[in-house]
N, C-alpha and C. Protein backbone atom coordinates (compact mmCIF):
# COMPACT_ATOMS: atom_id res chain seq x y z
N UNK A 1 14.37 -2.70 18.68
CA UNK A 1 13.29 -3.30 17.99
C UNK A 1 12.93 -2.49 16.66
N UNK A 2 12.91 -3.18 15.54
CA UNK A 2 12.69 -2.49 14.29
C UNK A 2 11.17 -2.25 14.10
N UNK A 3 10.90 -1.10 13.60
CA UNK A 3 9.47 -0.75 13.33
C UNK A 3 9.29 -0.69 11.82
N UNK A 4 8.21 -1.21 11.38
CA UNK A 4 7.92 -1.11 9.93
C UNK A 4 7.15 0.15 9.65
N UNK A 5 7.49 0.68 8.50
CA UNK A 5 6.78 1.95 8.08
C UNK A 5 5.48 1.58 7.47
N UNK A 6 4.37 2.09 8.00
CA UNK A 6 3.07 1.86 7.45
C UNK A 6 2.58 3.06 6.66
N UNK A 7 2.38 2.85 5.36
CA UNK A 7 1.89 3.94 4.50
C UNK A 7 0.40 4.22 4.72
N UNK A 8 0.06 5.45 4.81
CA UNK A 8 -1.31 5.87 4.92
C UNK A 8 -1.98 5.85 3.52
N UNK A 9 -3.04 5.09 3.39
CA UNK A 9 -3.72 4.99 2.12
C UNK A 9 -4.66 6.22 1.95
N UNK A 10 -4.42 6.94 0.82
CA UNK A 10 -5.24 8.14 0.57
C UNK A 10 -6.66 7.67 0.17
N UNK A 11 -7.64 8.24 0.76
CA UNK A 11 -9.00 7.95 0.47
C UNK A 11 -9.55 9.04 -0.45
N UNK A 12 -10.21 8.60 -1.52
CA UNK A 12 -10.81 9.53 -2.49
C UNK A 12 -12.27 9.54 -2.37
N UNK A 13 -12.77 10.74 -2.18
CA UNK A 13 -14.22 10.92 -2.08
C UNK A 13 -14.75 11.02 -3.51
N UNK A 14 -15.45 10.03 -3.97
CA UNK A 14 -15.94 10.01 -5.37
C UNK A 14 -16.97 11.12 -5.67
N UNK A 15 -17.56 11.66 -4.66
CA UNK A 15 -18.57 12.74 -4.84
C UNK A 15 -17.98 14.11 -4.83
N UNK A 16 -16.80 14.26 -4.24
CA UNK A 16 -16.22 15.63 -4.08
C UNK A 16 -15.06 15.77 -5.08
N UNK A 17 -15.42 16.27 -6.28
CA UNK A 17 -14.44 16.58 -7.29
C UNK A 17 -14.72 18.02 -7.78
N UNK A 18 -13.70 18.59 -8.41
CA UNK A 18 -13.78 19.94 -8.86
C UNK A 18 -14.42 20.00 -10.32
N UNK A 19 -14.07 18.96 -11.09
CA UNK A 19 -14.50 18.88 -12.51
C UNK A 19 -15.04 17.44 -12.80
N UNK A 20 -16.19 17.42 -13.44
CA UNK A 20 -16.67 16.12 -13.97
C UNK A 20 -16.88 16.23 -15.44
N UNK A 21 -16.23 15.33 -16.19
CA UNK A 21 -16.40 15.29 -17.63
C UNK A 21 -17.34 14.12 -17.96
N UNK A 22 -18.43 14.37 -18.57
CA UNK A 22 -19.54 13.43 -18.75
C UNK A 22 -19.21 12.33 -19.74
N UNK A 23 -20.02 11.27 -19.72
CA UNK A 23 -19.80 10.06 -20.51
C UNK A 23 -19.99 10.34 -21.99
N UNK A 24 -20.75 11.38 -22.38
CA UNK A 24 -20.99 11.66 -23.79
C UNK A 24 -19.90 12.59 -24.38
N UNK A 25 -18.85 12.89 -23.71
CA UNK A 25 -17.80 13.79 -24.16
C UNK A 25 -16.66 12.94 -24.70
N UNK A 26 -16.24 13.26 -25.97
CA UNK A 26 -15.02 12.72 -26.50
C UNK A 26 -14.10 13.94 -26.75
N UNK A 27 -12.90 13.77 -26.22
CA UNK A 27 -11.94 14.89 -26.24
C UNK A 27 -10.61 14.41 -26.88
N UNK A 28 -10.08 15.14 -27.78
CA UNK A 28 -8.77 14.85 -28.33
C UNK A 28 -7.86 16.03 -28.00
N UNK A 29 -6.83 15.79 -27.23
CA UNK A 29 -5.93 16.85 -26.77
C UNK A 29 -5.52 16.62 -25.39
N UNK A 30 -4.71 17.47 -24.85
CA UNK A 30 -4.20 17.35 -23.46
C UNK A 30 -5.10 18.13 -22.54
N UNK A 31 -5.22 17.56 -21.34
CA UNK A 31 -6.04 18.20 -20.25
C UNK A 31 -5.15 18.43 -19.05
N UNK A 32 -5.28 19.62 -18.43
CA UNK A 32 -4.58 19.88 -17.18
C UNK A 32 -5.51 20.55 -16.20
N UNK A 33 -5.39 20.28 -14.91
CA UNK A 33 -6.27 20.83 -13.92
C UNK A 33 -5.52 20.96 -12.61
N UNK A 34 -5.88 22.06 -11.85
CA UNK A 34 -5.27 22.21 -10.54
C UNK A 34 -6.05 21.49 -9.45
N UNK A 35 -7.25 21.01 -9.74
CA UNK A 35 -8.09 20.40 -8.75
C UNK A 35 -8.27 18.89 -9.04
N UNK A 36 -9.33 18.27 -8.54
CA UNK A 36 -9.55 16.90 -8.71
C UNK A 36 -10.54 16.72 -9.86
N UNK A 37 -10.41 15.70 -10.69
CA UNK A 37 -11.20 15.45 -11.86
C UNK A 37 -11.78 14.02 -11.89
N UNK A 38 -13.03 13.92 -12.29
CA UNK A 38 -13.63 12.65 -12.53
C UNK A 38 -13.95 12.65 -14.03
N UNK A 39 -13.34 11.66 -14.73
CA UNK A 39 -13.52 11.60 -16.20
C UNK A 39 -14.35 10.36 -16.56
N UNK A 40 -15.50 10.60 -17.25
CA UNK A 40 -16.37 9.56 -17.63
C UNK A 40 -16.43 9.27 -19.14
N UNK A 41 -15.82 10.20 -19.94
CA UNK A 41 -15.88 10.06 -21.41
C UNK A 41 -14.71 9.41 -22.00
N UNK A 42 -14.46 9.78 -23.25
CA UNK A 42 -13.29 9.22 -24.00
C UNK A 42 -12.29 10.40 -24.19
N UNK A 43 -11.05 10.09 -23.91
CA UNK A 43 -9.96 11.06 -24.03
C UNK A 43 -8.74 10.43 -24.75
N UNK A 44 -8.36 11.12 -25.79
CA UNK A 44 -7.18 10.73 -26.56
C UNK A 44 -6.13 11.91 -26.40
N UNK A 45 -5.35 11.75 -25.32
CA UNK A 45 -4.40 12.81 -24.99
C UNK A 45 -3.89 12.62 -23.60
N UNK A 46 -2.96 13.44 -23.18
CA UNK A 46 -2.33 13.40 -21.88
C UNK A 46 -3.13 14.15 -20.84
N UNK A 47 -3.06 13.73 -19.60
CA UNK A 47 -3.74 14.32 -18.46
C UNK A 47 -2.77 14.69 -17.37
N UNK A 48 -2.85 15.89 -16.91
CA UNK A 48 -1.99 16.34 -15.84
C UNK A 48 -2.90 17.02 -14.78
N UNK A 49 -3.01 16.39 -13.61
CA UNK A 49 -3.93 16.81 -12.51
C UNK A 49 -3.14 17.00 -11.26
N UNK A 50 -3.25 18.18 -10.66
CA UNK A 50 -2.55 18.41 -9.37
C UNK A 50 -3.23 17.63 -8.23
N UNK A 51 -4.51 17.41 -8.35
CA UNK A 51 -5.26 16.71 -7.36
C UNK A 51 -5.42 15.25 -7.73
N UNK A 52 -6.66 14.70 -7.52
CA UNK A 52 -6.97 13.29 -7.78
C UNK A 52 -7.63 13.10 -9.15
N UNK A 53 -7.42 12.02 -9.80
CA UNK A 53 -8.08 11.68 -11.06
C UNK A 53 -8.83 10.38 -10.86
N UNK A 54 -10.12 10.42 -11.14
CA UNK A 54 -10.95 9.23 -11.11
C UNK A 54 -11.36 8.93 -12.55
N UNK A 55 -11.01 7.74 -13.10
CA UNK A 55 -11.39 7.35 -14.43
C UNK A 55 -12.61 6.46 -14.24
N UNK A 56 -13.74 7.01 -14.63
CA UNK A 56 -15.08 6.39 -14.42
C UNK A 56 -15.23 5.02 -15.15
N UNK A 57 -16.23 4.34 -14.76
CA UNK A 57 -16.56 2.95 -15.24
C UNK A 57 -16.56 2.84 -16.76
N UNK A 58 -17.18 3.76 -17.46
CA UNK A 58 -17.25 3.66 -18.96
C UNK A 58 -16.20 4.53 -19.65
N UNK A 59 -15.27 5.14 -18.90
CA UNK A 59 -14.32 6.04 -19.47
C UNK A 59 -13.22 5.25 -20.19
N UNK A 60 -12.62 5.88 -21.19
CA UNK A 60 -11.48 5.36 -21.88
C UNK A 60 -10.51 6.51 -22.08
N UNK A 61 -9.30 6.28 -21.56
CA UNK A 61 -8.27 7.34 -21.72
C UNK A 61 -7.09 6.70 -22.40
N UNK A 62 -6.67 7.28 -23.51
CA UNK A 62 -5.45 6.77 -24.24
C UNK A 62 -4.49 7.96 -24.21
N UNK A 63 -3.46 7.87 -23.29
CA UNK A 63 -2.51 8.93 -23.10
C UNK A 63 -1.85 8.77 -21.78
N UNK A 64 -0.87 9.60 -21.50
CA UNK A 64 -0.17 9.55 -20.23
C UNK A 64 -0.89 10.32 -19.17
N UNK A 65 -0.76 9.90 -17.94
CA UNK A 65 -1.50 10.53 -16.81
C UNK A 65 -0.49 10.83 -15.74
N UNK A 66 -0.55 12.12 -15.22
CA UNK A 66 0.20 12.50 -14.08
C UNK A 66 -0.78 13.12 -13.11
N UNK A 67 -0.81 12.59 -11.88
CA UNK A 67 -1.72 13.11 -10.87
C UNK A 67 -1.24 12.65 -9.50
N UNK A 68 -1.90 13.23 -8.49
CA UNK A 68 -1.53 12.86 -7.11
C UNK A 68 -2.00 11.41 -6.77
N UNK A 69 -3.32 11.21 -6.99
CA UNK A 69 -3.95 9.94 -6.77
C UNK A 69 -4.75 9.56 -8.00
N UNK A 70 -4.61 8.33 -8.47
CA UNK A 70 -5.42 7.89 -9.67
C UNK A 70 -6.20 6.67 -9.26
N UNK A 71 -7.48 6.73 -9.47
CA UNK A 71 -8.39 5.53 -9.32
C UNK A 71 -8.94 5.20 -10.69
N UNK A 72 -8.70 3.94 -11.11
CA UNK A 72 -9.17 3.47 -12.44
C UNK A 72 -10.35 2.51 -12.20
N UNK A 73 -11.48 2.94 -12.69
CA UNK A 73 -12.67 2.06 -12.66
C UNK A 73 -12.99 1.61 -14.12
N UNK A 74 -12.52 2.43 -15.09
CA UNK A 74 -12.73 2.15 -16.48
C UNK A 74 -11.39 1.66 -17.13
N UNK A 75 -11.05 2.23 -18.34
CA UNK A 75 -9.93 1.74 -19.07
C UNK A 75 -8.89 2.85 -19.39
N UNK A 76 -7.64 2.53 -19.16
CA UNK A 76 -6.52 3.49 -19.47
C UNK A 76 -5.50 2.79 -20.22
N UNK A 77 -4.95 3.41 -21.31
CA UNK A 77 -3.81 2.98 -22.02
C UNK A 77 -2.76 4.10 -22.02
N UNK A 78 -1.69 3.89 -21.29
CA UNK A 78 -0.63 4.91 -21.25
C UNK A 78 0.18 4.77 -19.98
N UNK A 79 1.11 5.68 -19.86
CA UNK A 79 2.03 5.72 -18.71
C UNK A 79 1.42 6.56 -17.59
N UNK A 80 1.43 6.02 -16.40
CA UNK A 80 0.85 6.74 -15.25
C UNK A 80 1.96 7.06 -14.22
N UNK A 81 1.99 8.30 -13.83
CA UNK A 81 2.91 8.74 -12.79
C UNK A 81 2.08 9.34 -11.66
N UNK A 82 2.15 8.75 -10.46
CA UNK A 82 1.32 9.24 -9.30
C UNK A 82 1.89 8.83 -8.03
N UNK A 83 1.35 9.39 -6.98
CA UNK A 83 1.68 8.96 -5.60
C UNK A 83 1.04 7.62 -5.26
N UNK A 84 -0.29 7.57 -5.58
CA UNK A 84 -1.02 6.34 -5.27
C UNK A 84 -1.92 6.00 -6.46
N UNK A 85 -1.90 4.69 -6.83
CA UNK A 85 -2.75 4.17 -7.92
C UNK A 85 -3.62 3.10 -7.35
N UNK A 86 -4.91 3.15 -7.67
CA UNK A 86 -5.83 2.09 -7.32
C UNK A 86 -6.56 1.65 -8.55
N UNK A 87 -6.48 0.38 -8.88
CA UNK A 87 -7.21 -0.12 -10.03
C UNK A 87 -8.31 -0.98 -9.38
N UNK A 88 -9.56 -0.52 -9.58
CA UNK A 88 -10.68 -1.22 -8.96
C UNK A 88 -11.06 -2.42 -9.83
N UNK A 89 -11.96 -3.31 -9.35
CA UNK A 89 -12.26 -4.58 -10.00
C UNK A 89 -12.67 -4.51 -11.44
N UNK A 90 -13.26 -3.37 -11.84
CA UNK A 90 -13.68 -3.26 -13.27
C UNK A 90 -12.65 -2.49 -14.05
N UNK A 91 -11.53 -2.10 -13.43
CA UNK A 91 -10.55 -1.25 -14.13
C UNK A 91 -9.63 -2.09 -14.99
N UNK A 92 -9.11 -1.43 -16.01
CA UNK A 92 -8.12 -2.06 -16.89
C UNK A 92 -7.05 -1.06 -17.23
N UNK A 93 -5.80 -1.41 -17.00
CA UNK A 93 -4.70 -0.51 -17.33
C UNK A 93 -3.70 -1.27 -18.18
N UNK A 94 -3.40 -0.71 -19.37
CA UNK A 94 -2.30 -1.18 -20.21
C UNK A 94 -1.27 -0.12 -20.34
N UNK A 95 -0.14 -0.35 -19.67
CA UNK A 95 0.92 0.67 -19.72
C UNK A 95 1.77 0.63 -18.46
N UNK A 96 2.85 1.29 -18.46
CA UNK A 96 3.76 1.31 -17.36
C UNK A 96 3.33 2.32 -16.31
N UNK A 97 3.67 2.03 -15.04
CA UNK A 97 3.35 3.00 -13.94
C UNK A 97 4.57 3.29 -13.10
N UNK A 98 4.62 4.55 -12.65
CA UNK A 98 5.65 5.00 -11.72
C UNK A 98 4.95 5.55 -10.55
N UNK A 99 5.03 4.85 -9.39
CA UNK A 99 4.13 5.08 -8.28
C UNK A 99 4.76 4.91 -6.96
N UNK A 100 4.24 5.60 -5.91
CA UNK A 100 4.67 5.41 -4.53
C UNK A 100 4.04 4.16 -3.93
N UNK A 101 2.69 4.01 -4.15
CA UNK A 101 1.98 2.87 -3.66
C UNK A 101 0.91 2.44 -4.62
N UNK A 102 0.57 1.15 -4.70
CA UNK A 102 -0.39 0.66 -5.66
C UNK A 102 -1.32 -0.33 -5.04
N UNK A 103 -2.57 -0.28 -5.42
CA UNK A 103 -3.59 -1.25 -4.93
C UNK A 103 -4.28 -1.79 -6.15
N UNK A 104 -4.40 -3.11 -6.30
CA UNK A 104 -5.05 -3.75 -7.45
C UNK A 104 -6.09 -4.68 -6.88
N UNK A 105 -7.39 -4.35 -7.12
CA UNK A 105 -8.48 -5.15 -6.66
C UNK A 105 -8.55 -6.48 -7.43
N UNK A 106 -9.14 -7.49 -6.89
CA UNK A 106 -9.42 -8.69 -7.54
C UNK A 106 -10.32 -8.47 -8.69
N UNK A 107 -9.96 -8.99 -9.92
CA UNK A 107 -10.73 -8.81 -11.13
C UNK A 107 -10.21 -7.67 -11.98
N UNK A 108 -9.38 -6.79 -11.47
CA UNK A 108 -8.77 -5.77 -12.23
C UNK A 108 -7.70 -6.35 -13.19
N UNK A 109 -7.45 -5.61 -14.29
CA UNK A 109 -6.48 -6.02 -15.27
C UNK A 109 -5.36 -5.00 -15.34
N UNK A 110 -4.15 -5.45 -15.22
CA UNK A 110 -2.94 -4.57 -15.40
C UNK A 110 -1.95 -5.31 -16.25
N UNK A 111 -1.66 -4.68 -17.41
CA UNK A 111 -0.66 -5.17 -18.32
C UNK A 111 0.41 -4.12 -18.51
N UNK A 112 1.62 -4.39 -17.95
CA UNK A 112 2.63 -3.38 -18.07
C UNK A 112 3.68 -3.62 -16.96
N UNK A 113 4.51 -2.64 -16.73
CA UNK A 113 5.52 -2.67 -15.73
C UNK A 113 5.23 -1.66 -14.61
N UNK A 114 5.66 -2.00 -13.41
CA UNK A 114 5.40 -1.16 -12.25
C UNK A 114 6.79 -0.81 -11.62
N UNK A 115 7.03 0.48 -11.42
CA UNK A 115 8.26 0.88 -10.80
C UNK A 115 7.90 1.77 -9.65
N UNK A 116 8.40 1.45 -8.47
CA UNK A 116 8.20 2.29 -7.25
C UNK A 116 9.19 3.47 -7.35
N UNK A 117 8.62 4.65 -7.26
CA UNK A 117 9.39 5.89 -7.38
C UNK A 117 10.36 6.09 -6.21
N UNK A 118 11.46 6.69 -6.47
CA UNK A 118 12.32 7.13 -5.50
C UNK A 118 12.45 8.66 -5.63
N UNK A 119 12.80 9.43 -4.58
CA UNK A 119 12.78 10.85 -4.64
C UNK A 119 13.60 11.41 -5.77
N UNK A 120 14.74 10.88 -6.06
CA UNK A 120 15.64 11.42 -7.08
C UNK A 120 15.27 10.99 -8.52
N UNK A 121 14.22 10.17 -8.64
CA UNK A 121 13.88 9.61 -9.97
C UNK A 121 12.86 10.39 -10.71
N UNK A 122 12.24 11.42 -10.13
CA UNK A 122 11.18 12.12 -10.88
C UNK A 122 11.69 12.71 -12.14
N UNK A 123 12.87 13.23 -12.16
CA UNK A 123 13.42 13.88 -13.45
C UNK A 123 13.62 12.78 -14.46
N UNK A 124 14.11 11.62 -14.09
CA UNK A 124 14.36 10.49 -14.97
C UNK A 124 13.08 10.03 -15.60
N UNK A 125 11.97 9.95 -14.78
CA UNK A 125 10.70 9.51 -15.24
C UNK A 125 10.17 10.43 -16.33
N UNK A 126 10.27 11.71 -16.12
CA UNK A 126 9.82 12.71 -17.08
C UNK A 126 10.57 12.57 -18.37
N UNK A 127 11.91 12.28 -18.36
CA UNK A 127 12.68 12.08 -19.58
C UNK A 127 12.24 10.80 -20.31
N UNK A 128 11.96 9.77 -19.60
CA UNK A 128 11.49 8.47 -20.20
C UNK A 128 10.16 8.73 -20.94
N UNK A 129 9.24 9.38 -20.22
CA UNK A 129 7.93 9.64 -20.84
C UNK A 129 8.06 10.52 -22.11
N UNK A 130 8.82 11.55 -22.05
CA UNK A 130 9.00 12.41 -23.24
C UNK A 130 9.61 11.65 -24.41
N UNK A 131 10.58 10.70 -24.13
CA UNK A 131 11.26 9.98 -25.19
C UNK A 131 10.30 8.94 -25.86
N UNK A 132 9.27 8.47 -25.13
CA UNK A 132 8.38 7.51 -25.61
C UNK A 132 7.17 8.19 -26.42
N UNK A 133 7.02 9.47 -26.29
CA UNK A 133 5.90 10.14 -26.97
C UNK A 133 6.20 10.38 -28.44
């Protein structure tokens, strides 16, 4: 008898983050963090987070994102590489994604291409991102 593999959906606690960037912050440049980040402001640059990234309802990020788990409630324009991506009903993503699992709520907007990552593809993905910058 064949068994189907059931992926465990990562749950993100919206209250438990290491860094919160407020709605009144506009940042131009790249951001990196070893913890989880909730971004509510405007960012024009790339984001690299070892933990989870929550893009808040009024947030706008224009740049590439690399994180463990990404939840988009606001707007993102760029390439996303992560283990799990969730675009909530108010979220909008314009750009390509490289992901292990994806959840798109009803009402969310996604314009781009989606590629499910394979273990040996992480190096290829980094090369593609660098060539597009």
